[in-house]
PDB file of all heavy atoms in Angstrom:
ATOM      1  N   ALA A   1      -7.760  -2.395   2.354  1.00  0.00           N
ATOM      2  CA  ALA A   1      -6.507  -3.046   2.736  1.00  0.00           C
ATOM      3  C   ALA A   1      -5.673  -2.040   3.514  1.00  0.00           C
ATOM      4  O   ALA A   1      -5.598  -0.866   3.141  1.00  0.00           O
ATOM      5  CB  ALA A   1      -5.736  -3.536   1.513  1.00  0.00           C
ATOM      6  N   ARG A   2      -5.063  -2.509   4.572  1.00  0.00           N
ATOM      7  CA  ARG A   2      -4.250  -1.620   5.408  1.00  0.00           C
ATOM      8  C   ARG A   2      -2.827  -1.571   4.880  1.00  0.00           C
ATOM      9  O   ARG A   2      -2.210  -2.609   4.623  1.00  0.00           O
ATOM     10  CB  ARG A   2      -4.271  -2.097   6.857  1.00  0.00           C
ATOM     11  CG  ARG A   2      -3.488  -1.215   7.813  1.00  0.00           C
ATOM     12  CD  ARG A   2      -3.934  -1.424   9.240  1.00  0.00           C
ATOM     13  NE  ARG A   2      -5.280  -0.888   9.444  1.00  0.00           N
ATOM     14  CZ  ARG A   2      -5.961  -0.996  10.589  1.00  0.00           C
ATOM     15  NH1 ARG A   2      -5.434  -1.619  11.634  1.00  0.00           N
ATOM     16  NH2 ARG A   2      -7.168  -0.481  10.684  1.00  0.00           N
ATOM     17  N   VAL A   3      -2.313  -0.365   4.706  1.00  0.00           N
ATOM     18  CA  VAL A   3      -0.941  -0.163   4.241  1.00  0.00           C
ATOM     19  C   VAL A   3      -0.207   0.708   5.249  1.00  0.00           C
ATOM     20  O   VAL A   3      -0.829   1.404   6.056  1.00  0.00           O
ATOM     21  CB  VAL A   3      -0.902   0.487   2.843  1.00  0.00           C
ATOM     22  CG1 VAL A   3      -1.608  -0.382   1.808  1.00  0.00           C
ATOM     23  CG2 VAL A   3      -1.514   1.886   2.873  1.00  0.00           C
ATOM     24  N   ALA A   4       1.112   0.651   5.174  1.00  0.00           N
ATOM     25  CA  ALA A   4       1.917   1.457   6.088  1.00  0.00           C
ATOM     26  C   ALA A   4       3.129   2.015   5.362  1.00  0.00           C
ATOM     27  O   ALA A   4       3.781   1.316   4.576  1.00  0.00           O
ATOM     28  CB  ALA A   4       2.367   0.628   7.289  1.00  0.00           C
ATOM     29  N   ALA A   5       3.410   3.292   5.603  1.00  0.00           N
ATOM     30  CA  ALA A   5       4.658   3.916   5.161  1.00  0.00           C
ATOM     31  C   ALA A   5       5.542   4.016   6.402  1.00  0.00           C
ATOM     32  O   ALA A   5       5.150   4.638   7.393  1.00  0.00           O
ATOM     33  CB  ALA A   5       4.390   5.297   4.577  1.00  0.00           C
ATOM     34  N   VAL A   6       6.704   3.403   6.344  1.00  0.00           N
ATOM     35  CA  VAL A   6       7.542   3.255   7.533  1.00  0.00           C
ATOM     36  C   VAL A   6       8.890   3.933   7.316  1.00  0.00           C
ATOM     37  O   VAL A   6       9.539   3.721   6.287  1.00  0.00           O
ATOM     38  CB  VAL A   6       7.781   1.766   7.856  1.00  0.00           C
ATOM     39  CG1 VAL A   6       8.569   1.613   9.159  1.00  0.00           C
ATOM     40  CG2 VAL A   6       6.462   1.006   7.934  1.00  0.00           C
ATOM     41  N   THR A   7       9.297   4.733   8.271  1.00  0.00           N
ATOM     42  CA  THR A   7      10.668   5.245   8.262  1.00  0.00           C
ATOM     43  C   THR A   7      11.334   4.800   9.557  1.00  0.00           C
ATOM     44  O   THR A   7      10.734   4.873  10.633  1.00  0.00           O
ATOM     45  CB  THR A   7      10.714   6.778   8.096  1.00  0.00           C
ATOM     46  OG1 THR A   7      12.072   7.192   7.949  1.00  0.00           O
ATOM     47  CG2 THR A   7      10.079   7.507   9.255  1.00  0.00           C
ATOM     48  N   THR A   8      12.541   4.290   9.439  1.00  0.00           N
ATOM     49  CA  THR A   8      13.257   3.732  10.589  1.00  0.00           C
ATOM     50  C   THR A   8      14.577   4.472  10.795  1.00  0.00           C
ATOM     51  O   THR A   8      15.179   4.971   9.831  1.00  0.00           O
ATOM     52  CB  THR A   8      13.566   2.246  10.355  1.00  0.00           C
ATOM     53  OG1 THR A   8      14.254   2.096   9.108  1.00  0.00           O
ATOM     54  CG2 THR A   8      12.287   1.417  10.314  1.00  0.00           C
ATOM     55  N   PRO A   9      15.052   4.554  12.029  1.00  0.00           N
ATOM     56  CA  PRO A   9      16.390   5.106  12.248  1.00  0.00           C
ATOM     57  C   PRO A   9      17.422   4.254  11.518  1.00  0.00           C
ATOM     58  O   PRO A   9      17.432   3.030  11.647  1.00  0.00           O
ATOM     59  CB  PRO A   9      16.562   5.011  13.767  1.00  0.00           C
ATOM     60  CG  PRO A   9      15.174   4.926  14.310  1.00  0.00           C
ATOM     61  CD  PRO A   9      14.385   4.179  13.286  1.00  0.00           C
ATOM     62  N   SER A  10      18.235   4.882  10.730  1.00  0.00           N
ATOM     63  CA  SER A  10      19.232   4.159   9.938  1.00  0.00           C
ATOM     64  C   SER A  10      20.583   4.164  10.642  1.00  0.00           C
ATOM     65  O   SER A  10      20.938   5.133  11.328  1.00  0.00           O
ATOM     66  CB  SER A  10      19.372   4.816   8.560  1.00  0.00           C
ATOM     67  OG  SER A  10      20.325   4.134   7.774  1.00  0.00           O
ATOM     68  N   THR A  11      21.292   3.074  10.493  1.00  0.00           N
ATOM     69  CA  THR A  11      22.672   3.001  10.969  1.00  0.00           C
ATOM     70  C   THR A  11      23.571   2.944   9.747  1.00  0.00           C
ATOM     71  O   THR A  11      23.448   2.028   8.926  1.00  0.00           O
ATOM     72  CB  THR A  11      22.907   1.769  11.852  1.00  0.00           C
ATOM     73  OG1 THR A  11      21.971   1.797  12.937  1.00  0.00           O
ATOM     74  CG2 THR A  11      24.322   1.760  12.403  1.00  0.00           C
ATOM     75  N   VAL A  12      24.443   3.918   9.601  1.00  0.00           N
ATOM     76  CA  VAL A  12      25.253   4.042   8.390  1.00  0.00           C
ATOM     77  C   VAL A  12      26.102   2.796   8.178  1.00  0.00           C
ATOM     78  O   VAL A  12      26.866   2.378   9.064  1.00  0.00           O
ATOM     79  CB  VAL A  12      26.155   5.294   8.472  1.00  0.00           C
ATOM     80  CG1 VAL A  12      27.124   5.330   7.289  1.00  0.00           C
ATOM     81  CG2 VAL A  12      25.297   6.554   8.498  1.00  0.00           C
ATOM     82  N   ALA A  13      25.898   2.167   7.014  1.00  0.00           N
ATOM     83  CA  ALA A  13      26.725   1.041   6.579  1.00  0.00           C
ATOM     84  C   ALA A  13      26.750  -0.111   7.585  1.00  0.00           C
ATOM     85  O   ALA A  13      27.761  -0.788   7.741  1.00  0.00           O
ATOM     86  CB  ALA A  13      28.151   1.508   6.276  1.00  0.00           C
ATOM     87  N   ASP A  14      25.627  -0.367   8.230  1.00  0.00           N
ATOM     88  CA  ASP A  14      25.522  -1.497   9.159  1.00  0.00           C
ATOM     89  C   ASP A  14      24.229  -2.256   8.853  1.00  0.00           C
ATOM     90  O   ASP A  14      23.202  -2.088   9.519  1.00  0.00           O
ATOM     91  CB  ASP A  14      25.515  -0.999  10.601  1.00  0.00           C
ATOM     92  CG  ASP A  14      25.667  -2.133  11.606  1.00  0.00           C
ATOM     93  OD1 ASP A  14      25.424  -3.305  11.225  1.00  0.00           O
ATOM     94  OD2 ASP A  14      26.009  -1.855  12.770  1.00  0.00           O
ATOM     95  N   PRO A  15      24.253  -3.117   7.842  1.00  0.00           N
ATOM     96  CA  PRO A  15      23.037  -3.799   7.397  1.00  0.00           C
ATOM     97  C   PRO A  15      22.342  -4.619   8.476  1.00  0.00           C
ATOM     98  O   PRO A  15      21.104  -4.629   8.547  1.00  0.00           O
ATOM     99  CB  PRO A  15      23.526  -4.682   6.255  1.00  0.00           C
ATOM    100  CG  PRO A  15      24.695  -3.937   5.690  1.00  0.00           C
ATOM    101  CD  PRO A  15      25.382  -3.369   6.901  1.00  0.00           C
ATOM    102  N   LEU A  16      23.081  -5.311   9.338  1.00  0.00           N
ATOM    103  CA  LEU A  16      22.428  -6.128  10.356  1.00  0.00           C
ATOM    104  C   LEU A  16      21.692  -5.257  11.376  1.00  0.00           C
ATOM    105  O   LEU A  16      20.605  -5.610  11.847  1.00  0.00           O
ATOM    106  CB  LEU A  16      23.451  -7.024  11.051  1.00  0.00           C
ATOM    107  CG  LEU A  16      23.935  -8.209  10.197  1.00  0.00           C
ATOM    108  CD1 LEU A  16      25.043  -8.963  10.912  1.00  0.00           C
ATOM    109  CD2 LEU A  16      22.774  -9.155   9.872  1.00  0.00           C
ATOM    110  N   ALA A  17      22.271  -4.124  11.725  1.00  0.00           N
ATOM    111  CA  ALA A  17      21.578  -3.204  12.628  1.00  0.00           C
ATOM    112  C   ALA A  17      20.307  -2.676  11.971  1.00  0.00           C
ATOM    113  O   ALA A  17      19.251  -2.560  12.613  1.00  0.00           O
ATOM    114  CB  ALA A  17      22.498  -2.045  13.012  1.00  0.00           C
ATOM    115  N   ASN A  18      20.391  -2.369  10.688  1.00  0.00           N
ATOM    116  CA  ASN A  18      19.211  -1.888   9.978  1.00  0.00           C
ATOM    117  C   ASN A  18      18.161  -2.984   9.836  1.00  0.00           C
ATOM    118  O   ASN A  18      16.957  -2.723   9.913  1.00  0.00           O
ATOM    119  CB  ASN A  18      19.604  -1.348   8.601  1.00  0.00           C
ATOM    120  CG  ASN A  18      20.415  -0.064   8.704  1.00  0.00           C
ATOM    121  OD1 ASN A  18      20.189   0.754   9.595  1.00  0.00           O
ATOM    122  ND2 ASN A  18      21.386   0.113   7.815  1.00  0.00           N
ATOM    123  N   ALA A  19      18.607  -4.222   9.660  1.00  0.00           N
ATOM    124  CA  ALA A  19      17.663  -5.341   9.594  1.00  0.00           C
ATOM    125  C   ALA A  19      16.891  -5.471  10.897  1.00  0.00           C
ATOM    126  O   ALA A  19      15.687  -5.767  10.900  1.00  0.00           O
ATOM    127  CB  ALA A  19      18.406  -6.632   9.279  1.00  0.00           C
ATOM    128  N   ALA A  20      17.559  -5.234  11.998  1.00  0.00           N
ATOM    129  CA  ALA A  20      16.898  -5.335  13.303  1.00  0.00           C
ATOM    130  C   ALA A  20      15.775  -4.307  13.425  1.00  0.00           C
ATOM    131  O   ALA A  20      14.696  -4.608  13.974  1.00  0.00           O
ATOM    132  CB  ALA A  20      17.919  -5.158  14.427  1.00  0.00           C
ATOM    133  N   THR A  21      16.012  -3.094  12.921  1.00  0.00           N
ATOM    134  CA  THR A  21      14.948  -2.083  12.992  1.00  0.00           C
ATOM    135  C   THR A  21      13.801  -2.427  12.048  1.00  0.00           C
ATOM    136  O   THR A  21      12.632  -2.165  12.358  1.00  0.00           O
ATOM    137  CB  THR A  21      15.491  -0.677  12.649  1.00  0.00           C
ATOM    138  OG1 THR A  21      15.983  -0.665  11.308  1.00  0.00           O
ATOM    139  CG2 THR A  21      16.603  -0.274  13.599  1.00  0.00           C
ATOM    140  N   VAL A  22      14.114  -3.006  10.900  1.00  0.00           N
ATOM    141  CA  VAL A  22      13.067  -3.447   9.972  1.00  0.00           C
ATOM    142  C   VAL A  22      12.213  -4.528  10.628  1.00  0.00           C
ATOM    143  O   VAL A  22      10.968  -4.505  10.558  1.00  0.00           O
ATOM    144  CB  VAL A  22      13.680  -3.959   8.658  1.00  0.00           C
ATOM    145  CG1 VAL A  22      12.622  -4.676   7.811  1.00  0.00           C
ATOM    146  CG2 VAL A  22      14.296  -2.814   7.865  1.00  0.00           C
ATOM    147  N   ILE A  23      12.840  -5.473  11.280  1.00  0.00           N
ATOM    148  CA  ILE A  23      12.118  -6.572  11.922  1.00  0.00           C
ATOM    149  C   ILE A  23      11.210  -6.044  13.034  1.00  0.00           C
ATOM    150  O   ILE A  23      10.060  -6.466  13.175  1.00  0.00           O
ATOM    151  CB  ILE A  23      13.109  -7.618  12.462  1.00  0.00           C
ATOM    152  CG1 ILE A  23      13.832  -8.303  11.290  1.00  0.00           C
ATOM    153  CG2 ILE A  23      12.407  -8.641  13.348  1.00  0.00           C
ATOM    154  CD1 ILE A  23      15.055  -9.099  11.691  1.00  0.00           C
ATOM    155  N   GLU A  24      11.732  -5.101  13.816  1.00  0.00           N
ATOM    156  CA  GLU A  24      10.920  -4.518  14.889  1.00  0.00           C
ATOM    157  C   GLU A  24       9.705  -3.802  14.310  1.00  0.00           C
ATOM    158  O   GLU A  24       8.581  -3.937  14.825  1.00  0.00           O
ATOM    159  CB  GLU A  24      11.776  -3.540  15.709  1.00  0.00           C
ATOM    160  CG  GLU A  24      11.071  -2.913  16.896  1.00  0.00           C
ATOM    161  CD  GLU A  24      10.314  -1.628  16.558  1.00  0.00           C
ATOM    162  OE1 GLU A  24      10.725  -0.946  15.596  1.00  0.00           O
ATOM    163  OE2 GLU A  24       9.302  -1.328  17.235  1.00  0.00           O
ATOM    164  N   ALA A  25       9.899  -3.052  13.230  1.00  0.00           N
ATOM    165  CA  ALA A  25       8.773  -2.360  12.589  1.00  0.00           C
ATOM    166  C   ALA A  25       7.804  -3.354  11.967  1.00  0.00           C
ATOM    167  O   ALA A  25       6.578  -3.149  11.996  1.00  0.00           O
ATOM    168  CB  ALA A  25       9.293  -1.392  11.527  1.00  0.00           C
ATOM    169  N   ALA A  26       8.339  -4.438  11.402  1.00  0.00           N
ATOM    170  CA  ALA A  26       7.492  -5.463  10.797  1.00  0.00           C
ATOM    171  C   ALA A  26       6.577  -6.099  11.838  1.00  0.00           C
ATOM    172  O   ALA A  26       5.412  -6.411  11.555  1.00  0.00           O
ATOM    173  CB  ALA A  26       8.345  -6.527  10.118  1.00  0.00           C
ATOM    174  N   ARG A  27       7.082  -6.291  13.040  1.00  0.00           N
ATOM    175  CA  ARG A  27       6.247  -6.849  14.110  1.00  0.00           C
ATOM    176  C   ARG A  27       5.084  -5.901  14.422  1.00  0.00           C
ATOM    177  O   ARG A  27       3.948  -6.341  14.641  1.00  0.00           O
ATOM    178  CB  ARG A  27       7.087  -7.089  15.367  1.00  0.00           C
ATOM    179  CG  ARG A  27       8.099  -8.218  15.240  1.00  0.00           C
ATOM    180  CD  ARG A  27       8.644  -8.629  16.605  1.00  0.00           C
ATOM    181  NE  ARG A  27       9.626  -9.691  16.473  1.00  0.00           N
ATOM    182  CZ  ARG A  27      10.945  -9.518  16.510  1.00  0.00           C
ATOM    183  NH1 ARG A  27      11.443  -8.293  16.710  1.00  0.00           N
ATOM    184  NH2 ARG A  27      11.762 -10.533  16.370  1.00  0.00           N
ATOM    185  N   ARG A  28       5.370  -4.622  14.457  1.00  0.00           N
ATOM    186  CA  ARG A  28       4.313  -3.636  14.707  1.00  0.00           C
ATOM    187  C   ARG A  28       3.266  -3.676  13.594  1.00  0.00           C
ATOM    188  O   ARG A  28       2.057  -3.611  13.849  1.00  0.00           O
ATOM    189  CB  ARG A  28       4.914  -2.240  14.839  1.00  0.00           C
ATOM    190  CG  ARG A  28       5.705  -2.028  16.114  1.00  0.00           C
ATOM    191  CD  ARG A  28       6.443  -0.689  16.127  1.00  0.00           C
ATOM    192  NE  ARG A  28       5.566   0.458  15.934  1.00  0.00           N
ATOM    193  CZ  ARG A  28       5.991   1.728  15.894  1.00  0.00           C
ATOM    194  NH1 ARG A  28       7.302   1.982  16.037  1.00  0.00           N
ATOM    195  NH2 ARG A  28       5.144   2.713  15.728  1.00  0.00           N
ATOM    196  N   CYS A  29       3.733  -3.760  12.361  1.00  0.00           N
ATOM    197  CA  CYS A  29       2.810  -3.807  11.229  1.00  0.00           C
ATOM    198  C   CYS A  29       1.968  -5.077  11.268  1.00  0.00           C
ATOM    199  O   CYS A  29       0.753  -5.052  11.002  1.00  0.00           O
ATOM    200  CB  CYS A  29       3.588  -3.727   9.914  1.00  0.00           C
ATOM    201  SG  CYS A  29       4.365  -2.123   9.607  1.00  0.00           S
ATOM    202  N   ASP A  30       2.588  -6.188  11.594  1.00  0.00           N
ATOM    203  CA  ASP A  30       1.871  -7.456  11.678  1.00  0.00           C
ATOM    204  C   ASP A  30       0.777  -7.374  12.737  1.00  0.00           C
ATOM    205  O   ASP A  30      -0.363  -7.811  12.524  1.00  0.00           O
ATOM    206  CB  ASP A  30       2.856  -8.580  12.012  1.00  0.00           C
ATOM    207  CG  ASP A  30       2.166  -9.927  12.169  1.00  0.00           C
ATOM    208  OD1 ASP A  30       1.606 -10.426  11.181  1.00  0.00           O
ATOM    209  OD2 ASP A  30       2.175 -10.468  13.300  1.00  0.00           O
ATOM    210  N   ALA A  31       1.094  -6.797  13.880  1.00  0.00           N
ATOM    211  CA  ALA A  31       0.122  -6.685  14.969  1.00  0.00           C
ATOM    212  C   ALA A  31      -1.061  -5.809  14.578  1.00  0.00           C
ATOM    213  O   ALA A  31      -2.184  -6.003  15.076  1.00  0.00           O
ATOM    214  CB  ALA A  31       0.804  -6.126  16.214  1.00  0.00           C
ATOM    215  N   GLN A  32      -0.838  -4.851  13.689  1.00  0.00           N
ATOM    216  CA  GLN A  32      -1.901  -3.932  13.276  1.00  0.00           C
ATOM    217  C   GLN A  32      -2.657  -4.413  12.040  1.00  0.00           C
ATOM    218  O   GLN A  32      -3.553  -3.722  11.557  1.00  0.00           O
ATOM    219  CB  GLN A  32      -1.314  -2.545  13.002  1.00  0.00           C
ATOM    220  CG  GLN A  32      -0.751  -1.861  14.231  1.00  0.00           C
ATOM    221  CD  GLN A  32      -0.228  -0.469  13.899  1.00  0.00           C
ATOM    222  OE1 GLN A  32      -0.986   0.438  13.570  1.00  0.00           O
ATOM    223  NE2 GLN A  32       1.082  -0.292  13.991  1.00  0.00           N
ATOM    224  N   GLY A  33      -2.285  -5.580  11.514  1.00  0.00           N
ATOM    225  CA  GLY A  33      -2.988  -6.113  10.356  1.00  0.00           C
ATOM    226  C   GLY A  33      -2.635  -5.440   9.054  1.00  0.00           C
ATOM    227  O   GLY A  33      -3.463  -5.385   8.132  1.00  0.00           O
ATOM    228  N   VAL A  34      -1.407  -4.948   8.934  1.00  0.00           N
ATOM    229  CA  VAL A  34      -0.968  -4.245   7.726  1.00  0.00           C
ATOM    230  C   VAL A  34      -0.701  -5.244   6.602  1.00  0.00           C
ATOM    231  O   VAL A  34      -0.002  -6.241   6.792  1.00  0.00           O
ATOM    232  CB  VAL A  34       0.299  -3.421   8.006  1.00  0.00           C
ATOM    233  CG1 VAL A  34       0.920  -2.895   6.713  1.00  0.00           C
ATOM    234  CG2 VAL A  34      -0.026  -2.274   8.958  1.00  0.00           C
ATOM    235  N   ALA A  35      -1.242  -4.973   5.426  1.00  0.00           N
ATOM    236  CA  ALA A  35      -1.024  -5.839   4.264  1.00  0.00           C
ATOM    237  C   ALA A  35       0.301  -5.537   3.575  1.00  0.00           C
ATOM    238  O   ALA A  35       1.021  -6.447   3.167  1.00  0.00           O
ATOM    239  CB  ALA A  35      -2.169  -5.687   3.273  1.00  0.00           C
ATOM    240  N   VAL A  36       0.613  -4.247   3.406  1.00  0.00           N
ATOM    241  CA  VAL A  36       1.826  -3.830   2.690  1.00  0.00           C
ATOM    242  C   VAL A  36       2.519  -2.744   3.495  1.00  0.00           C
ATOM    243  O   VAL A  36       1.890  -1.727   3.835  1.00  0.00           O
ATOM    244  CB  VAL A  36       1.500  -3.303   1.276  1.00  0.00           C
ATOM    245  CG1 VAL A  36       2.779  -2.882   0.548  1.00  0.00           C
ATOM    246  CG2 VAL A  36       0.745  -4.344   0.458  1.00  0.00           C
ATOM    247  N   ALA A  37       3.792  -2.956   3.812  1.00  0.00           N
ATOM    248  CA  ALA A  37       4.579  -1.975   4.569  1.00  0.00           C
ATOM    249  C   ALA A  37       5.777  -1.551   3.733  1.00  0.00           C
ATOM    250  O   ALA A  37       6.561  -2.391   3.277  1.00  0.00           O
ATOM    251  CB  ALA A  37       5.047  -2.567   5.894  1.00  0.00           C
ATOM    252  N   VAL A  38       5.918  -0.243   3.538  1.00  0.00           N
ATOM    253  CA  VAL A  38       6.940   0.309   2.644  1.00  0.00           C
ATOM    254  C   VAL A  38       8.006   1.028   3.470  1.00  0.00           C
ATOM    255  O   VAL A  38       7.682   1.885   4.298  1.00  0.00           O
ATOM    256  CB  VAL A  38       6.309   1.284   1.636  1.00  0.00           C
ATOM    257  CG1 VAL A  38       7.356   1.780   0.650  1.00  0.00           C
ATOM    258  CG2 VAL A  38       5.150   0.616   0.912  1.00  0.00           C
ATOM    259  N   PHE A  39       9.280   0.686   3.212  1.00  0.00           N
ATOM    260  CA  PHE A  39      10.416   1.266   3.932  1.00  0.00           C
ATOM    261  C   PHE A  39      11.192   2.207   3.006  1.00  0.00           C
ATOM    262  O   PHE A  39      10.971   2.212   1.787  1.00  0.00           O
ATOM    263  CB  PHE A  39      11.319   0.157   4.451  1.00  0.00           C
ATOM    264  CG  PHE A  39      10.701  -0.662   5.563  1.00  0.00           C
ATOM    265  CD1 PHE A  39       9.762  -1.646   5.287  1.00  0.00           C
ATOM    266  CD2 PHE A  39      11.045  -0.434   6.886  1.00  0.00           C
ATOM    267  CE1 PHE A  39       9.177  -2.394   6.308  1.00  0.00           C
ATOM    268  CE2 PHE A  39      10.475  -1.167   7.916  1.00  0.00           C
ATOM    269  CZ  PHE A  39       9.540  -2.154   7.621  1.00  0.00           C
ATOM    270  N   PRO A  40      12.124   3.005   3.541  1.00  0.00           N
ATOM    271  CA  PRO A  40      12.866   3.952   2.702  1.00  0.00           C
ATOM    272  C   PRO A  40      13.834   3.272   1.726  1.00  0.00           C
ATOM    273  O   PRO A  40      14.161   2.082   1.838  1.00  0.00           O
ATOM    274  CB  PRO A  40      13.625   4.803   3.728  1.00  0.00           C
ATOM    275  CG  PRO A  40      12.887   4.627   5.005  1.00  0.00           C
ATOM    276  CD  PRO A  40      12.374   3.226   4.972  1.00  0.00           C
ATOM    277  N   GLU A  41      14.298   4.058   0.811  1.00  0.00           N
ATOM    278  CA  GLU A  41      15.284   3.641  -0.181  1.00  0.00           C
ATOM    279  C   GLU A  41      16.566   3.166   0.507  1.00  0.00           C
ATOM    280  O   GLU A  41      17.030   3.767   1.480  1.00  0.00           O
ATOM    281  CB  GLU A  41      15.576   4.831  -1.095  1.00  0.00           C
ATOM    282  CG  GLU A  41      16.491   4.551  -2.260  1.00  0.00           C
ATOM    283  CD  GLU A  41      16.634   5.763  -3.177  1.00  0.00           C
ATOM    284  OE1 GLU A  41      16.131   6.857  -2.809  1.00  0.00           O
ATOM    285  OE2 GLU A  41      17.241   5.625  -4.251  1.00  0.00           O
ATOM    286  N   LEU A  42      17.101   2.063  -0.003  1.00  0.00           N
ATOM    287  CA  LEU A  42      18.343   1.485   0.540  1.00  0.00           C
ATOM    288  C   LEU A  42      18.261   1.321   2.063  1.00  0.00           C
ATOM    289  O   LEU A  42      19.175   1.670   2.809  1.00  0.00           O
ATOM    290  CB  LEU A  42      19.551   2.343   0.139  1.00  0.00           C
ATOM    291  CG  LEU A  42      19.829   2.412  -1.374  1.00  0.00           C
ATOM    292  CD1 LEU A  42      20.968   3.372  -1.664  1.00  0.00           C
ATOM    293  CD2 LEU A  42      20.122   1.033  -1.937  1.00  0.00           C
TER     294      LEU A  42
END
């Protein structure tokens, strides 16, 4: 099973901006056939 450990540029106290980076990374993981993608704390 393909897994991914993902770190994204964080925007301090801006959840919608952070959601956008999560979504962009999720698209990359989906394209690569990743089963489980793990992001940083908070």
